[in-house]
Amino acid sequence: MSDLPVANDDHPDITNVPSTSSNAEASGSDLSRKRTLSTSQDDEGEHKRPRLSPSLTIDIQAIFSSGVPIPPPRSLRPRPPQSLGSDSAAPLTRHRSRTTLSRASSSASLLLSRAATPVGSFTPFTPASPASSFTALFPPPSPARSFSQFPLPSPSIRSNSPAVVPYPETSAKFHLRNGKLAIDFQGAADETLGTTWPVSWSLKNTLVFGRGNRVHLKNLSTTEDVAALVKLKESHGTLRLLECAGEDAPHTVALATSTGLIQIWDVAAKKMTSSWTTKPVTAMKWAGPVLSVGGEKGAIRHFDTRVKDTGRMKDQTKKVLRHQARIGVLAWNHAGRVLASGDDSGVIYCWDARQNAPLDVGELVQRRRKMQHVGAVKALAWCPWSLKVLASGDAAVDGTGTVRLWSVNEATPKPPIPDSLALDAQITSLQWSTQCKELLSTHGMARITEDGIPSSSSAPSSGMGNAVAVHSFPNLTHVTTLYPATSAISGSILSPNGQRIVFAVPDEKQLKIWDVWGKRKELKRQRSLIEGPCGIR
């Protein structure tokens, strides 16, 4: 009876356990010993959870029945049902966080999807040991499969930036095609120049061309038929050149003959406004109201057409001499201040409109700068976006041609790199694009082989003969090449908007109009707040 627990009067729910004096002494010694051990263990950096006294027992049911307020239990998420194949007797382990499990499951599903499971087969999932689970999540590299077998994500997934396009949208790579428009054309046989190709394109989108000794008009903005402008007399000689004026006189066109006759015509009124004679003309270009012509002896003359008296105009003509061969081509820069001229000996000069001597530009040869080609210079073109860059092309006797780029700047005459492009066909004309940074070249006879046969006579696609080629700037890399004709292309004229081009093919007696470049998108510029009637400027 002495060993039974006795109820406490103050707390009836708590019972005291009786103990003898020996037990009390033993418990006291044990408590002191535990305190000493805990103190030494705390010094070593360890921490133990305090134990409750074994002499105190709490009755949970009594507490609930006494009316003491108890906080409500936490609402726990229901645990997912256990899988059928799991072992109920498996030892309990600490659960990982949901985030870790979701990441591991996603990684496992990704790797399992890339595993070598054939399509159409199915293997049921069975629980594996921890070692096998780790191997499934992080499999070792298999020598049988390479990294290239796994599909890479698309560029849109890897990066938000658009894919790099090697050519601009306006490039001739996408727009050079047959415009399905051809006009009957006939060049005149000239004793000095051979077969001529008098063609010009006005700013009003009117094509002016010759048929023998007759000049005709074709308005490409309307559906009107070809109209006649003038018929030359036999005493006037052979029709050699036609040249439309610029923005100052968009309805004006000049014609020149083999006898040196020059006539100025108003295309809109179909009326001749001026006429005079000079030495035989082989090249002609406008610079505002000034008409520059090159002759067979290498002289260049500048006529001011604002002087109505032709006798007085000839007396006031400015003349420059330096070429020793026939002038083949003339080209004014876009500002109308520098004139480039090329002759049949391959020499090119650049003239300042205010000086009588050529500029000191070109390659340094024997302490003098010189611009020289191997063959006769047939093409000159000024770059529209780099105003001091001049492109030139020649036609060598052996059927080859070279495109050269020059820096027409006396302060820094160093040419761009690369500055030349050798081609296996004669160059007849060059056209810069106003829509993108590209250069177009037309070609005539191809390179003559050792057998004396042109390299592209039997297979047009194997060479540059009778071809149209487009090159990028400034690297002069190839963009595209097409063959609009089966015979030599004598030259080309670019349209005023820079999107179409006409090829003169005298042997086929046609002018072929093609699409060449797309339209450049104009950037919408917002008006500045400091500009305008109330602004600072």
Protein backbone atom coordinates (compact mmCIF):
# COMPACT_ATOMS: atom_id res chain seq x y z
CA MET A 1 0.00 0.00 0.00
CA SER A 2 2.90 2.35 0.58
CA ASP A 3 3.95 2.16 -3.05
CA LEU A 4 0.65 3.40 -4.43
CA PRO A 5 0.44 7.05 -5.56
CA VAL A 6 -1.38 9.52 -3.27
CA ALA A 7 -3.51 12.33 -4.64
CA ASN A 8 -2.51 15.94 -3.99
CA ASP A 9 -5.04 18.17 -2.24
CA ASP A 10 -4.24 21.34 -4.18
CA HIS A 11 -4.20 19.61 -7.52
CA PRO A 12 -6.37 16.53 -7.50
CA ASP A 13 -5.39 15.72 -11.05
CA ILE A 14 -1.72 15.42 -10.09
CA THR A 15 -0.54 12.56 -7.95
CA ASN A 16 2.64 12.41 -5.88
CA VAL A 17 4.86 9.38 -6.08
CA PRO A 18 6.15 8.40 -2.61
CA SER A 19 9.87 7.84 -2.19
CA THR A 20 12.11 6.81 0.65
CA SER A 21 14.98 8.80 2.09
CA SER A 22 17.48 6.60 0.38
CA ASN A 23 15.86 7.28 -2.91
CA ALA A 24 15.92 11.01 -2.18
CA GLU A 25 19.60 10.92 -1.39
CA ALA A 26 20.29 8.90 -4.52
CA SER A 27 18.27 11.32 -6.61
CA GLY A 28 20.13 14.28 -5.13
CA SER A 29 23.47 12.75 -5.93
CA ASP A 30 22.27 11.96 -9.45
CA LEU A 31 21.09 15.56 -9.96
CA SER A 32 24.40 16.99 -8.86
CA ARG A 33 26.22 14.54 -11.11
CA LYS A 34 24.01 15.48 -14.11
CA ARG A 35 24.62 19.18 -13.50
CA THR A 36 28.36 18.60 -13.52
CA LEU A 37 28.15 16.62 -16.75
CA SER A 38 25.92 19.19 -18.43
CA THR A 39 28.28 22.00 -17.47
CA SER A 40 31.25 20.18 -18.95
CA GLN A 41 29.34 19.32 -22.10
CA ASP A 42 28.14 22.91 -22.56
CA ASP A 43 31.75 24.01 -22.42
CA GLU A 44 32.50 21.69 -25.29
CA GLY A 45 29.84 23.38 -27.43
CA GLU A 46 27.16 20.68 -27.19
CA HIS A 47 23.59 21.29 -26.17
CA LYS A 48 21.08 18.78 -24.82
CA ARG A 49 17.34 19.19 -24.53
CA PRO A 50 16.29 19.42 -20.81
CA ARG A 51 14.42 16.38 -19.53
CA LEU A 52 11.18 16.53 -17.56
CA SER A 53 11.10 15.21 -14.07
CA PRO A 54 9.86 11.63 -14.04
CA SER A 55 7.89 12.34 -10.88
CA LEU A 56 5.40 14.60 -12.71
CA THR A 57 2.59 13.04 -14.75
CA ILE A 58 -0.11 15.02 -16.59
CA ASP A 59 -3.56 13.69 -17.29
CA ILE A 60 -4.64 15.05 -20.66
CA GLN A 61 -8.25 14.00 -20.37
CA ALA A 62 -8.58 15.88 -17.09
CA ILE A 63 -7.31 19.06 -18.62
CA PHE A 64 -9.88 18.89 -21.44
CA SER A 65 -12.66 18.27 -18.97
CA SER A 66 -11.64 21.17 -16.68
CA GLY A 67 -12.68 23.85 -19.18
CA VAL A 68 -9.27 25.40 -19.78
CA PRO A 69 -9.26 27.16 -23.21
CA ILE A 70 -7.23 25.24 -25.74
CA PRO A 71 -6.21 26.82 -29.10
CA PRO A 72 -7.63 25.11 -32.20
CA PRO A 73 -5.31 22.74 -33.99
CA ARG A 74 -3.61 23.76 -37.25
CA SER A 75 -5.25 22.70 -40.46
CA LEU A 76 -2.90 20.37 -42.24
CA ARG A 77 -3.01 19.56 -45.92
CA PRO A 78 -4.20 16.04 -46.61
CA ARG A 79 -1.36 13.72 -47.35
CA PRO A 80 -1.58 12.12 -50.81
CA PRO A 81 -2.68 8.49 -50.78
CA GLN A 82 0.07 5.98 -50.72
CA SER A 83 0.79 4.20 -53.97
CA LEU A 84 -0.32 0.63 -54.36
CA GLY A 85 3.15 -0.62 -55.01
CA SER A 86 4.73 0.98 -51.95
CA ASP A 87 5.76 -1.02 -48.92
CA SER A 88 3.85 -0.11 -45.76
CA ALA A 89 6.66 -1.45 -43.62
CA ALA A 90 9.26 0.90 -45.11
CA PRO A 91 11.16 2.97 -42.51
CA LEU A 92 10.05 6.57 -41.99
CA THR A 93 12.32 9.24 -43.46
CA ARG A 94 12.35 13.02 -43.23
CA HIS A 95 10.23 14.59 -45.97
CA ARG A 96 11.88 17.06 -48.34
CA SER A 97 10.33 20.42 -49.12
CA ARG A 98 7.71 20.64 -51.85
CA THR A 99 9.91 22.96 -53.94
CA THR A 100 12.78 20.47 -53.89
CA LEU A 101 10.43 17.63 -54.78
CA SER A 102 8.88 19.58 -57.64
CA ARG A 103 12.28 20.50 -59.06
CA ALA A 104 13.53 16.95 -58.71
CA SER A 105 10.38 15.57 -60.32
CA SER A 106 10.65 18.02 -63.22
CA SER A 107 14.32 17.15 -63.72
CA ALA A 108 13.52 13.46 -63.54
CA SER A 109 10.69 13.81 -66.05
CA LEU A 110 12.93 15.78 -68.44
CA LEU A 111 15.72 13.22 -68.24
CA LEU A 112 13.31 10.31 -68.46
CA SER A 113 11.71 11.90 -71.57
CA ARG A 114 15.15 12.14 -73.19
CA ALA A 115 15.99 8.57 -72.26
CA ALA A 116 16.24 6.00 -75.00
CA THR A 117 12.69 4.67 -74.64
CA PRO A 118 11.29 3.81 -78.09
CA VAL A 119 8.07 5.42 -79.17
CA GLY A 120 5.16 3.05 -78.65
CA SER A 121 6.68 1.12 -75.75
CA PHE A 122 5.67 1.64 -72.13
CA THR A 123 7.42 0.64 -68.94
CA PRO A 124 5.48 0.99 -65.66
CA PHE A 125 7.14 3.06 -62.97
CA THR A 126 8.35 1.18 -59.91
CA PRO A 127 9.90 2.68 -56.80
CA ALA A 128 13.65 2.39 -56.67
CA SER A 129 16.26 2.57 -54.00
CA PRO A 130 17.93 5.92 -53.13
CA ALA A 131 21.04 4.99 -55.12
CA SER A 132 19.02 4.14 -58.20
CA SER A 133 16.96 7.35 -57.80
CA PHE A 134 20.11 9.44 -57.78
CA THR A 135 21.33 7.62 -60.88
CA ALA A 136 17.99 8.29 -62.60
CA LEU A 137 18.13 11.99 -61.77
CA PHE A 138 21.78 12.43 -62.77
CA PRO A 139 22.67 9.68 -65.28
CA PRO A 140 26.32 9.29 -66.30
CA PRO A 141 27.27 10.29 -69.87
CA SER A 142 26.66 7.49 -72.30
CA PRO A 143 29.35 6.88 -74.93
CA ALA A 144 26.74 5.61 -77.37
CA ARG A 145 24.93 8.97 -77.61
CA SER A 146 26.48 12.35 -78.37
CA PHE A 147 25.35 15.78 -77.25
CA SER A 148 24.36 16.67 -80.81
CA GLN A 149 21.52 14.12 -80.65
CA PHE A 150 19.63 16.24 -78.14
CA PRO A 151 17.61 18.95 -79.91
CA LEU A 152 18.65 22.50 -79.09
CA PRO A 153 16.01 25.10 -78.24
CA SER A 154 14.87 27.40 -80.99
CA PRO A 155 16.38 30.91 -81.24
CA SER A 156 13.09 32.43 -80.07
CA ILE A 157 13.35 30.45 -76.82
CA ARG A 158 17.04 31.12 -76.21
CA SER A 159 16.88 34.84 -76.87
CA ASN A 160 14.31 37.53 -77.52
CA SER A 161 16.55 39.21 -80.14
CA PRO A 162 15.67 38.54 -83.82
CA ALA A 163 17.80 36.30 -85.95
CA VAL A 164 20.68 37.97 -87.78
CA VAL A 165 19.91 38.44 -91.46
CA PRO A 166 22.99 38.59 -93.69
CA TYR A 167 21.31 40.93 -96.23
CA PRO A 168 19.04 43.93 -95.66
CA GLU A 169 15.41 43.78 -96.69
CA THR A 170 16.04 46.12 -99.64
CA SER A 171 18.95 44.05 -100.97
CA ALA A 172 19.10 42.95 -104.58
CA LYS A 173 19.36 39.42 -103.20
CA PHE A 174 15.59 39.51 -102.77
CA HIS A 175 14.47 42.07 -105.37
CA LEU A 176 16.59 41.61 -108.52
CA ARG A 177 14.16 40.11 -111.02
CA ASN A 178 12.74 40.58 -114.47
CA GLY A 179 10.23 43.42 -114.52
CA LYS A 180 8.55 41.90 -117.59
CA LEU A 181 8.83 45.16 -119.49
CA ALA A 182 10.86 45.49 -122.67
CA ILE A 183 10.99 48.35 -125.19
CA ASP A 184 12.14 48.12 -128.77
CA PHE A 185 15.47 49.85 -129.16
CA GLN A 186 18.03 50.23 -131.91
CA GLY A 187 21.51 51.62 -131.49
CA ALA A 188 23.35 53.39 -134.29
CA ALA A 189 26.53 52.03 -135.85
CA ASP A 190 29.33 54.54 -135.23
CA GLU A 191 32.78 54.37 -136.79
CA THR A 192 34.52 55.51 -133.59
CA LEU A 193 32.39 54.12 -130.76
CA GLY A 194 30.97 51.06 -132.48
CA THR A 195 27.31 50.44 -131.68
CA THR A 196 25.93 53.26 -129.57
CA TRP A 197 23.20 52.99 -126.90
CA PRO A 198 21.69 56.48 -126.34
CA VAL A 199 19.38 56.04 -123.30
CA SER A 200 18.51 58.31 -120.36
CA TRP A 201 15.91 58.38 -117.54
CA SER A 202 14.46 61.71 -116.43
CA LEU A 203 13.37 62.64 -112.90
CA LYS A 204 9.78 62.71 -114.18
CA ASN A 205 10.01 58.96 -114.83
CA THR A 206 10.24 59.41 -118.59
CA LEU A 207 12.57 57.13 -120.53
CA VAL A 208 14.31 58.84 -123.46
CA PHE A 209 15.98 56.54 -126.00
CA GLY A 210 17.03 56.37 -129.62
CA ARG A 211 16.05 54.25 -132.57
CA GLY A 212 18.65 54.90 -135.22
CA ASN A 213 18.62 58.70 -135.74
CA ARG A 214 15.21 59.13 -134.06
CA VAL A 215 14.62 60.05 -130.41
CA HIS A 216 11.56 58.62 -128.62
CA LEU A 217 9.89 59.05 -125.23
CA LYS A 218 8.14 56.58 -122.93
CA ASN A 219 6.38 57.78 -119.79
CA LEU A 220 6.62 54.87 -117.35
CA SER A 221 4.17 56.44 -114.91
CA THR A 222 1.28 56.09 -117.37
CA THR A 223 0.10 53.63 -119.95
CA GLU A 224 0.80 55.96 -122.86
CA ASP A 225 2.47 54.59 -125.94
CA VAL A 226 5.94 55.53 -127.12
CA ALA A 227 6.04 59.07 -128.54
CA ALA A 228 8.52 60.59 -131.02
CA LEU A 229 10.58 63.63 -130.07
CA VAL A 230 12.94 64.42 -132.94
CA LYS A 231 14.42 62.98 -136.12
CA LEU A 232 17.99 63.98 -136.96
CA LYS A 233 19.16 64.72 -140.47
CA GLU A 234 21.86 62.71 -142.13
CA SER A 235 24.12 65.78 -142.13
CA HIS A 236 23.95 65.86 -138.33
CA GLY A 237 25.81 62.57 -138.07
CA THR A 238 25.15 59.56 -135.85
CA LEU A 239 23.17 59.89 -132.64
CA ARG A 240 25.65 59.07 -129.85
CA LEU A 241 24.41 60.32 -126.51
CA LEU A 242 21.26 61.33 -124.62
CA GLU A 243 21.42 62.92 -121.16
CA CYS A 244 18.54 64.16 -118.98
CA ALA A 245 19.12 67.15 -116.72
CA GLY A 246 18.79 67.16 -112.94
CA GLU A 247 16.43 68.77 -110.47
CA ASP A 248 16.98 72.27 -111.88
CA ALA A 249 15.45 71.28 -115.23
CA PRO A 250 13.61 67.92 -114.93
CA HIS A 251 12.02 68.25 -118.40
CA THR A 252 15.30 69.02 -120.22
CA VAL A 253 17.31 66.53 -122.27
CA ALA A 254 20.51 67.03 -124.29
CA LEU A 255 21.54 65.04 -127.35
CA ALA A 256 24.94 64.84 -129.07
CA THR A 257 26.01 63.49 -132.45
CA SER A 258 29.22 62.29 -134.05
CA THR A 259 29.67 65.60 -135.88
CA GLY A 260 29.68 67.63 -132.64
CA LEU A 261 26.08 68.82 -132.80
CA ILE A 262 24.49 69.45 -129.39
CA GLN A 263 20.78 70.18 -128.99
CA ILE A 264 18.77 70.98 -125.84
CA TRP A 265 15.12 69.88 -125.85
CA ASP A 266 12.13 70.46 -123.59
CA VAL A 267 10.48 67.06 -123.26
CA ALA A 268 7.18 68.36 -121.89
CA ALA A 269 6.72 70.91 -124.67
CA LYS A 270 8.57 68.78 -127.27
CA LYS A 271 10.47 71.84 -128.36
CA MET A 272 14.17 72.52 -128.98
CA THR A 273 15.47 75.36 -126.79
CA SER A 274 19.12 75.59 -127.87
CA SER A 275 21.60 74.19 -130.39
CA TRP A 276 25.33 74.62 -131.16
CA THR A 277 28.26 72.66 -132.57
CA THR A 278 31.61 71.72 -131.06
CA LYS A 279 34.17 68.95 -131.44
CA PRO A 280 32.82 65.37 -131.70
CA VAL A 281 31.37 64.34 -128.33
CA THR A 282 32.09 60.97 -126.70
CA ALA A 283 30.84 61.61 -123.13
CA MET A 284 28.33 64.01 -121.59
CA LYS A 285 27.00 64.87 -118.10
CA TRP A 286 24.93 67.60 -116.44
CA ALA A 287 25.91 69.58 -113.34
CA GLY A 288 23.00 71.92 -112.71
CA PRO A 289 22.75 74.26 -115.71
CA VAL A 290 26.29 73.36 -116.86
CA LEU A 291 26.70 70.67 -119.51
CA SER A 292 30.12 68.97 -119.50
CA VAL A 293 31.23 67.11 -122.62
CA GLY A 294 34.31 65.04 -123.39
CA GLY A 295 35.88 64.78 -126.82
CA GLU A 296 37.84 62.35 -128.92
CA LYS A 297 41.13 64.20 -128.30
CA GLY A 298 40.84 64.15 -124.49
CA ALA A 299 39.54 67.71 -123.97
CA ILE A 300 36.71 68.46 -121.53
CA ARG A 301 34.46 71.49 -122.12
CA HIS A 302 31.87 73.02 -119.78
CA PHE A 303 28.94 74.87 -121.40
CA ASP A 304 26.70 77.15 -119.36
CA THR A 305 23.25 76.66 -120.88
CA ARG A 306 21.87 79.74 -119.11
CA VAL A 307 23.57 81.87 -121.79
CA LYS A 308 21.00 82.07 -124.58
CA ASP A 309 23.41 83.41 -127.17
CA THR A 310 25.17 80.28 -128.40
CA GLY A 311 28.07 82.24 -129.93
CA ARG A 312 28.71 83.97 -126.65
CA MET A 313 28.27 80.69 -124.77
CA LYS A 314 31.02 79.06 -126.86
CA ASP A 315 33.33 81.96 -126.18
CA GLN A 316 32.79 81.61 -122.42
CA THR A 317 33.26 77.84 -122.43
CA LYS A 318 35.71 76.54 -119.84
CA LYS A 319 38.14 73.97 -121.23
CA VAL A 320 40.51 71.64 -119.38
CA LEU A 321 43.25 69.50 -120.88
CA ARG A 322 45.13 66.61 -119.34
CA HIS A 323 43.90 63.39 -120.95
CA GLN A 324 45.93 61.98 -123.81
CA ALA A 325 43.21 59.61 -125.08
CA ARG A 326 39.53 59.67 -125.94
CA ILE A 327 37.19 60.43 -123.06
CA GLY A 328 34.99 57.44 -122.39
CA VAL A 329 32.93 58.45 -119.36
CA LEU A 330 32.20 61.47 -117.13
CA ALA A 331 30.60 61.61 -113.67
CA TRP A 332 29.84 64.57 -111.38
CA ASN A 333 29.60 63.95 -107.66
CA HIS A 334 26.29 64.57 -105.89
CA ALA A 335 27.27 68.04 -104.76
CA GLY A 336 28.25 69.05 -108.31
CA ARG A 337 31.73 70.18 -107.25
CA VAL A 338 34.05 67.37 -108.39
CA LEU A 339 34.08 65.83 -111.87
CA ALA A 340 35.59 62.40 -112.55
CA SER A 341 36.73 61.56 -116.08
CA GLY A 342 38.12 58.36 -117.57
CA ASP A 343 39.70 57.68 -120.95
CA ASP A 344 40.50 54.72 -123.16
CA SER A 345 44.08 54.46 -121.83
CA GLY A 346 42.79 53.61 -118.35
CA VAL A 347 43.59 56.97 -116.73
CA ILE A 348 41.15 58.64 -114.33
CA TYR A 349 41.27 62.27 -113.24
CA CYS A 350 39.19 64.14 -110.69
CA TRP A 351 38.63 67.85 -111.25
CA ASP A 352 37.55 70.54 -108.84
CA ALA A 353 35.05 72.86 -110.53
CA ARG A 354 37.05 75.88 -109.30
CA GLN A 355 40.42 74.69 -110.61
CA ASN A 356 41.95 73.83 -113.96
CA ALA A 357 44.30 71.12 -112.63
CA PRO A 358 43.21 67.67 -111.44
CA LEU A 359 43.26 66.73 -107.77
CA ASP A 360 46.26 64.94 -106.31
CA VAL A 361 44.50 61.68 -105.47
CA GLY A 362 44.99 57.99 -106.24
CA GLU A 363 47.86 55.57 -105.76
CA LEU A 364 51.37 56.87 -105.12
CA VAL A 365 53.44 55.97 -108.20
CA GLN A 366 56.93 57.50 -108.59
CA ARG A 367 56.23 60.35 -106.16
CA ARG A 368 52.95 61.20 -107.89
CA ARG A 369 49.44 60.04 -107.22
CA LYS A 370 47.69 58.35 -110.09
CA MET A 371 44.41 56.59 -110.80
CA GLN A 372 45.08 53.93 -113.42
CA HIS A 373 43.31 50.91 -114.89
CA VAL A 374 44.64 48.22 -117.21
CA GLY A 375 41.86 48.56 -119.77
CA ALA A 376 39.72 51.40 -121.04
CA VAL A 377 37.60 53.03 -118.35
CA LYS A 378 33.93 52.44 -119.16
CA ALA A 379 32.17 53.12 -115.85
CA LEU A 380 32.40 55.78 -113.12
CA ALA A 381 29.98 56.16 -110.20
CA TRP A 382 30.03 58.24 -107.01
CA CYS A 383 28.86 56.62 -103.78
CA PRO A 384 25.64 58.29 -102.53
CA TRP A 385 26.28 57.73 -98.79
CA SER A 386 30.10 58.09 -98.77
CA LEU A 387 30.54 61.22 -100.85
CA LYS A 388 34.29 60.92 -101.35
CA VAL A 389 34.27 57.31 -102.59
CA LEU A 390 34.44 56.78 -106.35
CA ALA A 391 33.90 53.42 -108.08
CA SER A 392 35.42 52.74 -111.50
CA GLY A 393 35.38 49.83 -113.91
CA ASP A 394 37.36 48.99 -117.04
CA ALA A 395 37.14 46.75 -120.06
CA ALA A 396 40.45 45.08 -120.88
CA VAL A 397 41.34 43.71 -124.30
CA ASP A 398 41.49 40.13 -123.01
CA GLY A 399 37.89 40.34 -121.82
CA THR A 400 38.57 40.90 -118.11
CA GLY A 401 37.43 43.76 -115.94
CA THR A 402 38.29 45.24 -112.54
CA VAL A 403 36.19 47.26 -110.11
CA ARG A 404 38.25 49.82 -108.18
CA LEU A 405 37.28 51.98 -105.19
CA TRP A 406 39.05 55.33 -104.72
CA SER A 407 39.10 57.85 -101.90
CA VAL A 408 38.89 61.25 -103.60
CA ASN A 409 40.24 63.25 -100.69
CA GLU A 410 43.55 65.12 -100.88
CA ALA A 411 43.82 65.26 -97.08
CA THR A 412 43.49 61.47 -96.64
CA PRO A 413 43.95 59.87 -100.07
CA LYS A 414 44.23 56.35 -98.69
CA PRO A 415 41.72 54.14 -100.56
CA PRO A 416 39.26 51.87 -98.74
CA ILE A 417 40.19 48.26 -98.06
CA PRO A 418 39.54 46.21 -100.13
CA ASP A 419 39.83 48.59 -103.06
CA SER A 420 39.67 46.24 -106.08
CA LEU A 421 37.64 43.32 -107.39
CA ALA A 422 38.85 41.38 -110.43
CA LEU A 423 36.15 39.85 -112.65
CA ASP A 424 36.37 37.65 -115.75
CA ALA A 425 34.27 39.91 -117.98
CA GLN A 426 34.42 43.47 -119.28
CA ILE A 427 32.63 46.05 -117.14
CA THR A 428 30.26 48.32 -119.05
CA SER A 429 28.50 50.25 -116.24
CA LEU A 430 28.33 50.67 -112.45
CA GLN A 431 25.33 51.70 -110.33
CA TRP A 432 25.28 52.46 -106.61
CA SER A 433 22.13 51.66 -104.70
CA THR A 434 20.32 54.47 -102.90
CA GLN A 435 18.36 51.96 -100.77
CA CYS A 436 21.19 49.87 -99.26
CA LYS A 437 24.98 49.59 -99.36
CA GLU A 438 25.40 47.64 -102.59
CA LEU A 439 27.04 48.16 -105.98
CA LEU A 440 25.76 46.77 -109.28
CA SER A 441 27.93 46.05 -112.32
CA THR A 442 26.93 45.09 -115.86
CA HIS A 443 29.19 43.06 -118.10
CA GLY A 444 29.82 42.53 -121.75
CA MET A 445 32.25 40.16 -123.40
CA ALA A 446 33.72 37.46 -121.15
CA ARG A 447 37.35 36.56 -120.68
CA ILE A 448 38.93 34.93 -123.70
CA THR A 449 40.47 31.52 -123.00
CA GLU A 450 43.61 30.05 -124.53
CA ASP A 451 41.51 28.56 -127.32
CA GLY A 452 40.27 32.02 -128.27
CA ILE A 453 36.70 31.32 -127.09
CA PRO A 454 34.94 33.43 -124.43
CA SER A 455 34.75 31.55 -121.14
CA SER A 456 30.96 31.95 -120.85
CA SER A 457 29.87 31.56 -124.48
CA SER A 458 28.69 27.96 -124.06
CA ALA A 459 27.63 28.08 -120.38
CA PRO A 460 26.36 31.51 -119.32
CA SER A 461 26.07 30.54 -115.66
CA SER A 462 29.77 29.64 -115.41
CA GLY A 463 31.15 33.19 -115.76
CA MET A 464 30.39 36.90 -115.67
CA GLY A 465 29.90 37.38 -119.40
CA ASN A 466 26.61 39.17 -120.27
CA ALA A 467 25.73 39.13 -116.57
CA VAL A 468 24.51 41.53 -113.91
CA ALA A 469 26.36 41.19 -110.61
CA VAL A 470 25.70 42.86 -107.27
CA HIS A 471 28.41 43.37 -104.66
CA SER A 472 28.17 44.50 -101.04
CA PHE A 473 30.00 47.54 -99.68
CA PRO A 474 32.63 47.94 -98.31
CA ASN A 475 33.84 44.31 -98.47
CA LEU A 476 32.92 43.85 -102.17
CA THR A 477 31.50 40.40 -101.39
CA HIS A 478 29.22 38.72 -103.88
CA VAL A 479 25.48 39.18 -103.37
CA THR A 480 23.83 37.80 -106.50
CA THR A 481 24.39 37.30 -110.23
CA LEU A 482 21.75 37.04 -112.97
CA TYR A 483 21.79 36.89 -116.76
CA PRO A 484 19.14 39.14 -118.30
CA ALA A 485 20.54 38.81 -121.83
CA THR A 486 22.29 36.31 -124.05
CA SER A 487 24.52 38.99 -125.61
CA ALA A 488 26.62 41.84 -124.30
CA ILE A 489 24.95 44.42 -122.05
CA SER A 490 26.21 47.79 -123.29
CA GLY A 491 25.17 49.73 -120.20
CA SER A 492 22.49 50.51 -117.63
CA ILE A 493 20.53 53.47 -116.26
CA LEU A 494 19.08 53.60 -112.73
CA SER A 495 15.56 54.89 -112.19
CA PRO A 496 15.00 58.13 -110.23
CA ASN A 497 13.62 56.26 -107.20
CA GLY A 498 16.52 53.79 -107.23
CA GLN A 499 14.31 50.69 -107.37
CA ARG A 500 14.38 49.80 -111.08
CA ILE A 501 17.05 49.65 -113.73
CA VAL A 502 17.11 49.48 -117.52
CA PHE A 503 19.64 47.36 -119.42
CA ALA A 504 20.61 48.29 -122.96
CA VAL A 505 21.15 45.23 -125.17
CA PRO A 506 21.77 46.52 -128.73
CA ASP A 507 22.32 43.07 -130.24
CA GLU A 508 18.84 42.03 -129.11
CA LYS A 509 17.43 45.49 -129.99
CA GLN A 510 15.73 45.80 -126.63
CA LEU A 511 15.73 47.87 -123.46
CA LYS A 512 14.97 45.52 -120.56
CA ILE A 513 13.55 47.05 -117.38
CA TRP A 514 14.15 45.04 -114.21
CA ASP A 515 13.41 45.44 -110.53
CA VAL A 516 16.67 45.71 -108.59
CA TRP A 517 16.28 47.09 -105.04
CA GLY A 518 13.46 47.40 -102.56
CA LYS A 519 12.15 50.60 -101.02
CA ARG A 520 13.87 51.70 -97.87
CA LYS A 521 11.63 52.39 -94.88
CA GLU A 522 11.78 56.01 -93.86
CA LEU A 523 12.26 56.65 -90.16
CA LYS A 524 9.57 58.85 -88.65
CA ARG A 525 11.34 61.66 -86.87
CA GLN A 526 9.48 63.56 -84.17
CA ARG A 527 9.68 67.29 -84.14
CA SER A 528 12.04 68.66 -81.52
CA LEU A 529 10.64 70.86 -78.78
CA ILE A 530 13.39 73.44 -79.28
CA GLU A 531 12.64 73.83 -83.00
CA GLY A 532 9.86 75.80 -84.59
CA PRO A 533 8.56 79.36 -84.39
CA CYS A 534 8.64 79.40 -80.57
CA GLY A 535 11.86 77.39 -80.16
CA ILE A 536 15.44 78.37 -79.63
CA ARG A 537 16.38 77.77 -83.23
